[in-house]
Amino acid sequence: MSTDTDTTVIARTVVRVVVPVILLTAVALLLQGHNLPGGGFIAGVLTVTAFALVYIVFGREFLQRELLHVDDDGFLGGSIGEYGRTFTFGLALAASSGLAAIVVGELFAGGRYEFITQGVWFVYHVPVYHEIEIPTALFFDLGVYFVVVGALLTILAVVGRE
């Protein structure tokens, strides 16, 4: 495994500069996914790409200890267990965002909404933006994001141990 001393100063510097740009791009793609190309899947892939760069340059121990704040004490309790919880949370969020349309339809619209029907909430009087649109598709995209991050970090952890 690589450590901080096994890599060059150039590699460490490039990762320190590139990772925040990758994460910012991931957030932008996640937030625009309900209106434009992007969404939870590609944002999750970009996020894990940033973690993979840190893993390659700084090592697994640095990634888990400093960035993810998890210990490596076995399949269910350590890092893989943490990623499994991320995966489970994302799956529950994506499914519940789809079910929310059915519940709202039954309560307020006489049962006219189907699974994953999109609704939009508007938040007014927000400083700088004045108005923000919050679509229900954002919660589905967040769920997909957590599923992808959890699954790919699990793969990264398993392959990294080999």
N, C-alpha and C. Protein backbone atom coordinates (compact mmCIF):
# COMPACT_ATOMS: atom_id res chain seq x y z
N MET A 1 0.83 -1.19 0.00
CA MET A 1 0.00 0.00 0.00
C MET A 1 0.87 1.24 0.00
N SER A 2 0.37 2.25 -0.63
CA SER A 2 1.14 3.50 -0.68
C SER A 2 0.90 4.30 0.59
N THR A 3 1.91 5.00 0.97
CA THR A 3 1.79 5.91 2.10
C THR A 3 2.23 7.29 1.63
N ASP A 4 2.18 8.21 2.54
CA ASP A 4 2.53 9.59 2.21
C ASP A 4 3.98 9.69 1.73
N THR A 5 4.86 8.81 2.21
CA THR A 5 6.26 8.88 1.82
C THR A 5 6.54 8.15 0.51
N ASP A 6 5.64 7.30 0.03
CA ASP A 6 5.84 6.55 -1.22
C ASP A 6 5.50 7.37 -2.45
N THR A 7 4.84 8.47 -2.32
CA THR A 7 4.40 9.25 -3.47
C THR A 7 5.22 10.53 -3.57
N THR A 8 5.13 11.14 -4.73
CA THR A 8 5.88 12.38 -4.95
C THR A 8 5.12 13.58 -4.41
N VAL A 9 5.83 14.64 -4.25
CA VAL A 9 5.22 15.89 -3.81
C VAL A 9 4.22 16.37 -4.86
N ILE A 10 4.53 16.15 -6.12
CA ILE A 10 3.62 16.56 -7.19
C ILE A 10 2.30 15.81 -7.09
N ALA A 11 2.37 14.50 -6.89
CA ALA A 11 1.14 13.71 -6.79
C ALA A 11 0.30 14.15 -5.60
N ARG A 12 0.92 14.35 -4.46
CA ARG A 12 0.18 14.79 -3.27
C ARG A 12 -0.43 16.16 -3.48
N THR A 13 0.30 17.07 -4.12
CA THR A 13 -0.22 18.42 -4.37
C THR A 13 -1.37 18.40 -5.35
N VAL A 14 -1.23 17.62 -6.42
CA VAL A 14 -2.30 17.53 -7.42
C VAL A 14 -3.57 16.97 -6.79
N VAL A 15 -3.45 15.95 -5.96
CA VAL A 15 -4.64 15.38 -5.31
C VAL A 15 -5.28 16.40 -4.38
N ARG A 16 -4.48 17.15 -3.66
CA ARG A 16 -5.04 18.17 -2.76
C ARG A 16 -5.79 19.26 -3.52
N VAL A 17 -5.39 19.54 -4.74
CA VAL A 17 -6.05 20.56 -5.55
C VAL A 17 -7.26 19.98 -6.30
N VAL A 18 -7.11 18.78 -6.82
CA VAL A 18 -8.14 18.19 -7.70
C VAL A 18 -9.34 17.65 -6.92
N VAL A 19 -9.11 17.06 -5.76
CA VAL A 19 -10.21 16.44 -5.01
C VAL A 19 -11.31 17.44 -4.65
N PRO A 20 -11.02 18.64 -4.15
CA PRO A 20 -12.13 19.58 -3.90
C PRO A 20 -12.89 19.96 -5.17
N VAL A 21 -12.19 20.07 -6.30
CA VAL A 21 -12.86 20.39 -7.56
C VAL A 21 -13.79 19.25 -7.97
N ILE A 22 -13.33 18.01 -7.81
CA ILE A 22 -14.17 16.85 -8.13
C ILE A 22 -15.40 16.82 -7.23
N LEU A 23 -15.22 17.06 -5.94
CA LEU A 23 -16.36 17.03 -5.01
C LEU A 23 -17.34 18.16 -5.29
N LEU A 24 -16.84 19.33 -5.63
CA LEU A 24 -17.73 20.45 -5.99
C LEU A 24 -18.51 20.13 -7.27
N THR A 25 -17.86 19.52 -8.24
CA THR A 25 -18.55 19.11 -9.46
C THR A 25 -19.61 18.06 -9.16
N ALA A 26 -19.30 17.15 -8.25
CA ALA A 26 -20.27 16.12 -7.86
C ALA A 26 -21.52 16.75 -7.23
N VAL A 27 -21.32 17.73 -6.37
CA VAL A 27 -22.46 18.41 -5.74
C VAL A 27 -23.28 19.14 -6.79
N ALA A 28 -22.62 19.82 -7.73
CA ALA A 28 -23.33 20.54 -8.79
C ALA A 28 -24.14 19.58 -9.65
N LEU A 29 -23.56 18.44 -10.01
CA LEU A 29 -24.30 17.46 -10.81
C LEU A 29 -25.46 16.85 -10.04
N LEU A 30 -25.27 16.64 -8.75
CA LEU A 30 -26.35 16.10 -7.92
C LEU A 30 -27.52 17.06 -7.86
N LEU A 31 -27.25 18.34 -7.68
CA LEU A 31 -28.31 19.33 -7.53
C LEU A 31 -29.02 19.67 -8.83
N GLN A 32 -28.38 19.47 -9.97
CA GLN A 32 -29.03 19.77 -11.24
C GLN A 32 -29.66 18.54 -11.88
N GLY A 33 -29.54 17.39 -11.26
CA GLY A 33 -29.96 16.14 -11.88
C GLY A 33 -31.43 16.02 -12.20
N HIS A 34 -32.30 16.74 -11.53
CA HIS A 34 -33.73 16.62 -11.80
C HIS A 34 -34.16 17.48 -12.99
N ASN A 35 -33.34 18.43 -13.41
CA ASN A 35 -33.67 19.29 -14.54
C ASN A 35 -32.76 19.11 -15.74
N LEU A 36 -31.51 18.77 -15.51
CA LEU A 36 -30.50 18.66 -16.55
C LEU A 36 -29.79 17.33 -16.40
N PRO A 37 -28.94 16.96 -17.38
CA PRO A 37 -28.18 15.72 -17.21
C PRO A 37 -27.33 15.76 -15.95
N GLY A 38 -27.30 14.67 -15.27
CA GLY A 38 -26.59 14.55 -14.01
C GLY A 38 -27.48 13.81 -13.04
N GLY A 39 -27.18 13.89 -11.81
CA GLY A 39 -28.01 13.24 -10.82
C GLY A 39 -27.18 12.44 -9.84
N GLY A 40 -27.87 11.58 -9.11
CA GLY A 40 -27.25 10.84 -8.03
C GLY A 40 -26.19 9.86 -8.47
N PHE A 41 -26.39 9.20 -9.60
CA PHE A 41 -25.43 8.19 -10.02
C PHE A 41 -24.08 8.80 -10.35
N ILE A 42 -24.06 9.76 -11.25
CA ILE A 42 -22.77 10.33 -11.65
C ILE A 42 -22.13 11.10 -10.51
N ALA A 43 -22.93 11.74 -9.65
CA ALA A 43 -22.36 12.43 -8.49
C ALA A 43 -21.71 11.43 -7.54
N GLY A 44 -22.34 10.28 -7.34
CA GLY A 44 -21.76 9.24 -6.50
C GLY A 44 -20.47 8.69 -7.07
N VAL A 45 -20.44 8.48 -8.38
CA VAL A 45 -19.23 7.98 -9.03
C VAL A 45 -18.10 9.00 -8.89
N LEU A 46 -18.39 10.27 -9.08
CA LEU A 46 -17.36 11.30 -8.92
C LEU A 46 -16.86 11.38 -7.48
N THR A 47 -17.75 11.26 -6.52
CA THR A 47 -17.34 11.30 -5.12
C THR A 47 -16.39 10.15 -4.80
N VAL A 48 -16.74 8.96 -5.24
CA VAL A 48 -15.87 7.81 -4.98
C VAL A 48 -14.55 7.94 -5.76
N THR A 49 -14.58 8.58 -6.92
CA THR A 49 -13.35 8.83 -7.65
C THR A 49 -12.41 9.71 -6.83
N ALA A 50 -12.97 10.72 -6.17
CA ALA A 50 -12.14 11.57 -5.31
C ALA A 50 -11.56 10.76 -4.16
N PHE A 51 -12.37 9.90 -3.54
CA PHE A 51 -11.87 9.04 -2.46
C PHE A 51 -10.81 8.08 -2.98
N ALA A 52 -10.99 7.57 -4.20
CA ALA A 52 -10.01 6.64 -4.77
C ALA A 52 -8.68 7.34 -5.02
N LEU A 53 -8.71 8.58 -5.47
CA LEU A 53 -7.47 9.33 -5.66
C LEU A 53 -6.73 9.51 -4.33
N VAL A 54 -7.47 9.84 -3.29
CA VAL A 54 -6.85 9.98 -1.97
C VAL A 54 -6.29 8.64 -1.52
N TYR A 55 -7.03 7.57 -1.78
CA TYR A 55 -6.58 6.22 -1.41
C TYR A 55 -5.29 5.85 -2.13
N ILE A 56 -5.22 6.13 -3.42
CA ILE A 56 -4.04 5.77 -4.21
C ILE A 56 -2.82 6.57 -3.77
N VAL A 57 -2.99 7.84 -3.51
CA VAL A 57 -1.84 8.69 -3.20
C VAL A 57 -1.45 8.62 -1.72
N PHE A 58 -2.44 8.64 -0.82
CA PHE A 58 -2.13 8.71 0.61
C PHE A 58 -2.28 7.37 1.33
N GLY A 59 -2.96 6.40 0.74
CA GLY A 59 -3.09 5.09 1.37
C GLY A 59 -4.44 4.88 2.02
N ARG A 60 -4.76 3.58 2.22
CA ARG A 60 -6.05 3.19 2.79
C ARG A 60 -6.21 3.67 4.23
N GLU A 61 -5.14 3.58 5.00
CA GLU A 61 -5.24 3.97 6.42
C GLU A 61 -5.58 5.46 6.55
N PHE A 62 -4.95 6.30 5.75
CA PHE A 62 -5.24 7.73 5.78
C PHE A 62 -6.68 8.00 5.37
N LEU A 63 -7.14 7.34 4.30
CA LEU A 63 -8.51 7.53 3.82
C LEU A 63 -9.52 7.16 4.89
N GLN A 64 -9.34 6.00 5.50
CA GLN A 64 -10.32 5.56 6.50
C GLN A 64 -10.22 6.34 7.80
N ARG A 65 -9.02 6.63 8.26
CA ARG A 65 -8.85 7.30 9.54
C ARG A 65 -9.15 8.79 9.46
N GLU A 66 -8.61 9.47 8.46
CA GLU A 66 -8.69 10.93 8.41
C GLU A 66 -9.93 11.45 7.70
N LEU A 67 -10.35 10.80 6.63
CA LEU A 67 -11.48 11.33 5.85
C LEU A 67 -12.80 10.69 6.21
N LEU A 68 -12.81 9.36 6.35
CA LEU A 68 -14.07 8.66 6.59
C LEU A 68 -14.34 8.38 8.06
N HIS A 69 -13.33 8.53 8.90
CA HIS A 69 -13.45 8.35 10.35
C HIS A 69 -14.03 7.00 10.72
N VAL A 70 -13.50 5.94 10.12
CA VAL A 70 -13.91 4.58 10.46
C VAL A 70 -12.68 3.77 10.80
N ASP A 71 -12.89 2.73 11.63
CA ASP A 71 -11.82 1.80 11.98
C ASP A 71 -11.95 0.56 11.13
N ASP A 72 -10.86 -0.14 10.94
CA ASP A 72 -10.86 -1.34 10.13
C ASP A 72 -10.85 -2.55 11.05
N ASP A 73 -12.02 -2.94 11.56
CA ASP A 73 -12.08 -4.07 12.49
C ASP A 73 -13.07 -5.13 12.04
N GLY A 74 -12.98 -5.53 10.79
CA GLY A 74 -13.81 -6.63 10.34
C GLY A 74 -14.85 -6.23 9.32
N PHE A 75 -15.48 -7.24 8.75
CA PHE A 75 -16.41 -7.02 7.64
C PHE A 75 -17.65 -6.25 8.07
N LEU A 76 -18.26 -6.61 9.18
CA LEU A 76 -19.51 -5.96 9.57
C LEU A 76 -19.32 -4.75 10.47
N GLY A 77 -18.25 -4.70 11.22
CA GLY A 77 -18.10 -3.61 12.16
C GLY A 77 -17.27 -2.46 11.67
N GLY A 78 -16.41 -2.68 10.73
CA GLY A 78 -15.47 -1.65 10.33
C GLY A 78 -15.91 -0.89 9.11
N SER A 79 -14.95 -0.64 8.24
CA SER A 79 -15.19 0.23 7.10
C SER A 79 -16.29 -0.30 6.19
N ILE A 80 -16.29 -1.59 5.92
CA ILE A 80 -17.30 -2.14 5.02
C ILE A 80 -18.68 -2.05 5.65
N GLY A 81 -18.76 -2.22 6.97
CA GLY A 81 -20.04 -2.05 7.65
C GLY A 81 -20.55 -0.63 7.53
N GLU A 82 -19.64 0.34 7.62
CA GLU A 82 -20.03 1.73 7.47
C GLU A 82 -20.56 1.99 6.07
N TYR A 83 -19.92 1.45 5.07
CA TYR A 83 -20.36 1.66 3.70
C TYR A 83 -21.68 0.94 3.45
N GLY A 84 -21.86 -0.19 4.11
CA GLY A 84 -23.13 -0.90 3.99
C GLY A 84 -24.28 -0.09 4.58
N ARG A 85 -24.01 0.63 5.65
CA ARG A 85 -25.03 1.49 6.23
C ARG A 85 -25.35 2.65 5.28
N THR A 86 -24.33 3.18 4.60
CA THR A 86 -24.55 4.23 3.62
C THR A 86 -25.42 3.72 2.48
N PHE A 87 -25.13 2.52 2.00
CA PHE A 87 -25.92 1.89 0.95
C PHE A 87 -27.37 1.70 1.39
N THR A 88 -27.56 1.18 2.60
CA THR A 88 -28.91 0.92 3.12
C THR A 88 -29.69 2.22 3.30
N PHE A 89 -29.04 3.26 3.83
CA PHE A 89 -29.70 4.55 3.98
C PHE A 89 -30.14 5.10 2.63
N GLY A 90 -29.28 5.01 1.63
CA GLY A 90 -29.61 5.50 0.30
C GLY A 90 -30.77 4.75 -0.31
N LEU A 91 -30.78 3.43 -0.14
CA LEU A 91 -31.88 2.63 -0.69
C LEU A 91 -33.20 2.99 0.00
N ALA A 92 -33.16 3.17 1.31
CA ALA A 92 -34.37 3.56 2.04
C ALA A 92 -34.84 4.95 1.63
N LEU A 93 -33.93 5.88 1.43
CA LEU A 93 -34.29 7.24 1.03
C LEU A 93 -34.90 7.25 -0.37
N ALA A 94 -34.31 6.52 -1.30
CA ALA A 94 -34.84 6.48 -2.67
C ALA A 94 -36.23 5.84 -2.68
N ALA A 95 -36.41 4.76 -1.96
CA ALA A 95 -37.72 4.09 -1.93
C ALA A 95 -38.77 4.96 -1.24
N SER A 96 -38.39 5.59 -0.14
CA SER A 96 -39.37 6.41 0.58
C SER A 96 -39.73 7.66 -0.20
N SER A 97 -38.80 8.19 -1.01
CA SER A 97 -39.16 9.34 -1.83
C SER A 97 -40.17 8.96 -2.90
N GLY A 98 -40.11 7.75 -3.38
CA GLY A 98 -41.11 7.28 -4.33
C GLY A 98 -42.45 7.02 -3.67
N LEU A 99 -42.41 6.48 -2.46
CA LEU A 99 -43.65 6.20 -1.73
C LEU A 99 -44.32 7.47 -1.23
N ALA A 100 -43.56 8.53 -1.05
CA ALA A 100 -44.14 9.79 -0.56
C ALA A 100 -45.20 10.31 -1.51
N ALA A 101 -45.01 10.11 -2.81
CA ALA A 101 -46.02 10.57 -3.78
C ALA A 101 -47.33 9.83 -3.59
N ILE A 102 -47.26 8.55 -3.29
CA ILE A 102 -48.49 7.77 -3.07
C ILE A 102 -49.19 8.28 -1.81
N VAL A 103 -48.45 8.51 -0.74
CA VAL A 103 -49.04 8.97 0.51
C VAL A 103 -49.68 10.35 0.33
N VAL A 104 -48.96 11.26 -0.31
CA VAL A 104 -49.51 12.60 -0.55
C VAL A 104 -50.74 12.52 -1.44
N GLY A 105 -50.71 11.66 -2.43
CA GLY A 105 -51.86 11.49 -3.31
C GLY A 105 -53.08 10.97 -2.59
N GLU A 106 -52.87 10.03 -1.68
CA GLU A 106 -53.99 9.49 -0.90
C GLU A 106 -54.56 10.53 0.06
N LEU A 107 -53.69 11.30 0.69
CA LEU A 107 -54.14 12.26 1.70
C LEU A 107 -54.75 13.52 1.10
N PHE A 108 -54.16 14.04 0.02
CA PHE A 108 -54.55 15.35 -0.46
C PHE A 108 -55.16 15.38 -1.86
N ALA A 109 -54.98 14.34 -2.64
CA ALA A 109 -55.43 14.40 -4.03
C ALA A 109 -56.36 13.25 -4.40
N GLY A 110 -56.90 12.58 -3.44
CA GLY A 110 -57.83 11.50 -3.73
C GLY A 110 -57.21 10.31 -4.42
N GLY A 111 -55.97 9.99 -4.12
CA GLY A 111 -55.31 8.82 -4.67
C GLY A 111 -54.89 8.94 -6.11
N ARG A 112 -54.61 10.13 -6.58
CA ARG A 112 -54.29 10.31 -8.00
C ARG A 112 -52.80 10.27 -8.31
N TYR A 113 -51.94 10.10 -7.35
CA TYR A 113 -50.50 10.09 -7.63
C TYR A 113 -49.97 8.66 -7.64
N GLU A 114 -49.09 8.39 -8.58
CA GLU A 114 -48.47 7.08 -8.67
C GLU A 114 -47.10 7.12 -8.02
N PHE A 115 -46.49 5.95 -7.92
CA PHE A 115 -45.16 5.83 -7.34
C PHE A 115 -44.19 6.74 -8.07
N ILE A 116 -43.43 7.49 -7.34
CA ILE A 116 -42.37 8.39 -7.80
C ILE A 116 -42.86 9.55 -8.65
N THR A 117 -44.11 9.94 -8.49
CA THR A 117 -44.60 11.15 -9.14
C THR A 117 -43.88 12.35 -8.53
N GLN A 118 -43.44 13.27 -9.38
CA GLN A 118 -42.66 14.39 -8.86
C GLN A 118 -43.55 15.53 -8.40
N GLY A 119 -43.19 16.06 -7.26
CA GLY A 119 -43.80 17.28 -6.74
C GLY A 119 -42.71 18.30 -6.48
N VAL A 120 -43.11 19.55 -6.33
CA VAL A 120 -42.13 20.62 -6.12
C VAL A 120 -42.60 21.50 -4.97
N TRP A 121 -41.68 21.81 -4.07
CA TRP A 121 -41.93 22.79 -3.02
C TRP A 121 -41.13 24.03 -3.34
N PHE A 122 -41.72 25.18 -3.07
CA PHE A 122 -41.02 26.44 -3.27
C PHE A 122 -40.77 27.07 -1.90
N VAL A 123 -39.53 27.47 -1.67
CA VAL A 123 -39.15 28.16 -0.45
C VAL A 123 -38.85 29.60 -0.84
N TYR A 124 -39.61 30.53 -0.24
CA TYR A 124 -39.50 31.94 -0.59
C TYR A 124 -38.66 32.69 0.44
N HIS A 125 -38.24 33.88 0.07
CA HIS A 125 -37.50 34.81 0.94
C HIS A 125 -36.17 34.22 1.40
N VAL A 126 -35.47 33.57 0.49
CA VAL A 126 -34.14 33.02 0.79
C VAL A 126 -33.12 34.09 0.41
N PRO A 127 -32.21 34.42 1.33
CA PRO A 127 -31.22 35.44 1.00
C PRO A 127 -30.43 35.06 -0.26
N VAL A 128 -30.12 36.01 -1.06
CA VAL A 128 -29.38 35.94 -2.31
C VAL A 128 -30.22 35.31 -3.42
N TYR A 129 -30.86 34.17 -3.19
CA TYR A 129 -31.60 33.48 -4.23
C TYR A 129 -33.06 33.91 -4.33
N HIS A 130 -33.62 34.45 -3.29
CA HIS A 130 -35.01 34.91 -3.19
C HIS A 130 -36.00 33.75 -3.16
N GLU A 131 -35.81 32.75 -4.03
CA GLU A 131 -36.74 31.63 -4.10
C GLU A 131 -35.95 30.38 -4.48
N ILE A 132 -36.23 29.27 -3.79
CA ILE A 132 -35.58 28.00 -4.11
C ILE A 132 -36.65 26.96 -4.40
N GLU A 133 -36.43 26.19 -5.43
CA GLU A 133 -37.32 25.11 -5.82
C GLU A 133 -36.74 23.79 -5.31
N ILE A 134 -37.51 23.04 -4.52
CA ILE A 134 -37.06 21.75 -4.00
C ILE A 134 -37.97 20.66 -4.56
N PRO A 135 -37.49 19.94 -5.57
CA PRO A 135 -38.30 18.87 -6.15
C PRO A 135 -38.14 17.57 -5.38
N THR A 136 -39.14 16.72 -5.44
CA THR A 136 -39.03 15.42 -4.77
C THR A 136 -38.00 14.54 -5.45
N ALA A 137 -37.71 14.80 -6.73
CA ALA A 137 -36.69 14.02 -7.44
C ALA A 137 -35.31 14.22 -6.80
N LEU A 138 -35.10 15.33 -6.12
CA LEU A 138 -33.84 15.56 -5.44
C LEU A 138 -33.61 14.51 -4.35
N PHE A 139 -34.66 14.14 -3.63
CA PHE A 139 -34.53 13.13 -2.58
C PHE A 139 -34.25 11.75 -3.18
N PHE A 140 -34.86 11.46 -4.33
CA PHE A 140 -34.56 10.22 -5.02
C PHE A 140 -33.10 10.22 -5.48
N ASP A 141 -32.64 11.33 -6.05
CA ASP A 141 -31.24 11.44 -6.47
C ASP A 141 -30.28 11.31 -5.29
N LEU A 142 -30.64 11.88 -4.15
CA LEU A 142 -29.81 11.72 -2.95
C LEU A 142 -29.73 10.26 -2.54
N GLY A 143 -30.85 9.55 -2.62
CA GLY A 143 -30.86 8.12 -2.31
C GLY A 143 -29.96 7.34 -3.25
N VAL A 144 -30.06 7.62 -4.54
CA VAL A 144 -29.20 6.96 -5.52
C VAL A 144 -27.73 7.30 -5.25
N TYR A 145 -27.46 8.55 -4.89
CA TYR A 145 -26.10 8.98 -4.56
C TYR A 145 -25.53 8.14 -3.43
N PHE A 146 -26.28 7.99 -2.35
CA PHE A 146 -25.78 7.21 -1.21
C PHE A 146 -25.63 5.73 -1.54
N VAL A 147 -26.52 5.20 -2.38
CA VAL A 147 -26.38 3.80 -2.80
C VAL A 147 -25.09 3.61 -3.59
N VAL A 148 -24.83 4.49 -4.53
CA VAL A 148 -23.63 4.38 -5.37
C VAL A 148 -22.37 4.57 -4.53
N VAL A 149 -22.36 5.57 -3.66
CA VAL A 149 -21.19 5.80 -2.81
C VAL A 149 -20.95 4.59 -1.90
N GLY A 150 -21.99 4.09 -1.26
CA GLY A 150 -21.83 2.93 -0.38
C GLY A 150 -21.34 1.71 -1.12
N ALA A 151 -21.91 1.43 -2.29
CA ALA A 151 -21.51 0.24 -3.05
C ALA A 151 -20.08 0.36 -3.56
N LEU A 152 -19.73 1.50 -4.15
CA LEU A 152 -18.39 1.65 -4.71
C LEU A 152 -17.31 1.75 -3.64
N LEU A 153 -17.61 2.36 -2.50
CA LEU A 153 -16.63 2.36 -1.41
C LEU A 153 -16.42 0.97 -0.83
N THR A 154 -17.47 0.17 -0.82
CA THR A 154 -17.33 -1.22 -0.39
C THR A 154 -16.40 -1.98 -1.34
N ILE A 155 -16.62 -1.79 -2.65
CA ILE A 155 -15.75 -2.43 -3.64
C ILE A 155 -14.32 -1.95 -3.48
N LEU A 156 -14.14 -0.65 -3.30
CA LEU A 156 -12.81 -0.09 -3.12
C LEU A 156 -12.13 -0.66 -1.88
N ALA A 157 -12.87 -0.82 -0.79
CA ALA A 157 -12.30 -1.37 0.44
C ALA A 157 -11.91 -2.84 0.26
N VAL A 158 -12.76 -3.61 -0.41
CA VAL A 158 -12.47 -5.03 -0.61
C VAL A 158 -11.28 -5.22 -1.54
N VAL A 159 -11.28 -4.50 -2.67
CA VAL A 159 -10.17 -4.62 -3.61
C VAL A 159 -8.89 -4.07 -3.00
N GLY A 160 -8.99 -3.03 -2.20
CA GLY A 160 -7.81 -2.45 -1.57
C GLY A 160 -7.15 -3.37 -0.58
N ARG A 161 -7.89 -4.28 0.00
CA ARG A 161 -7.29 -5.23 0.95
C ARG A 161 -6.51 -6.32 0.24
N GLU A 162 -6.82 -6.55 -1.01
CA GLU A 162 -6.15 -7.64 -1.76
C GLU A 162 -4.72 -7.32 -2.04
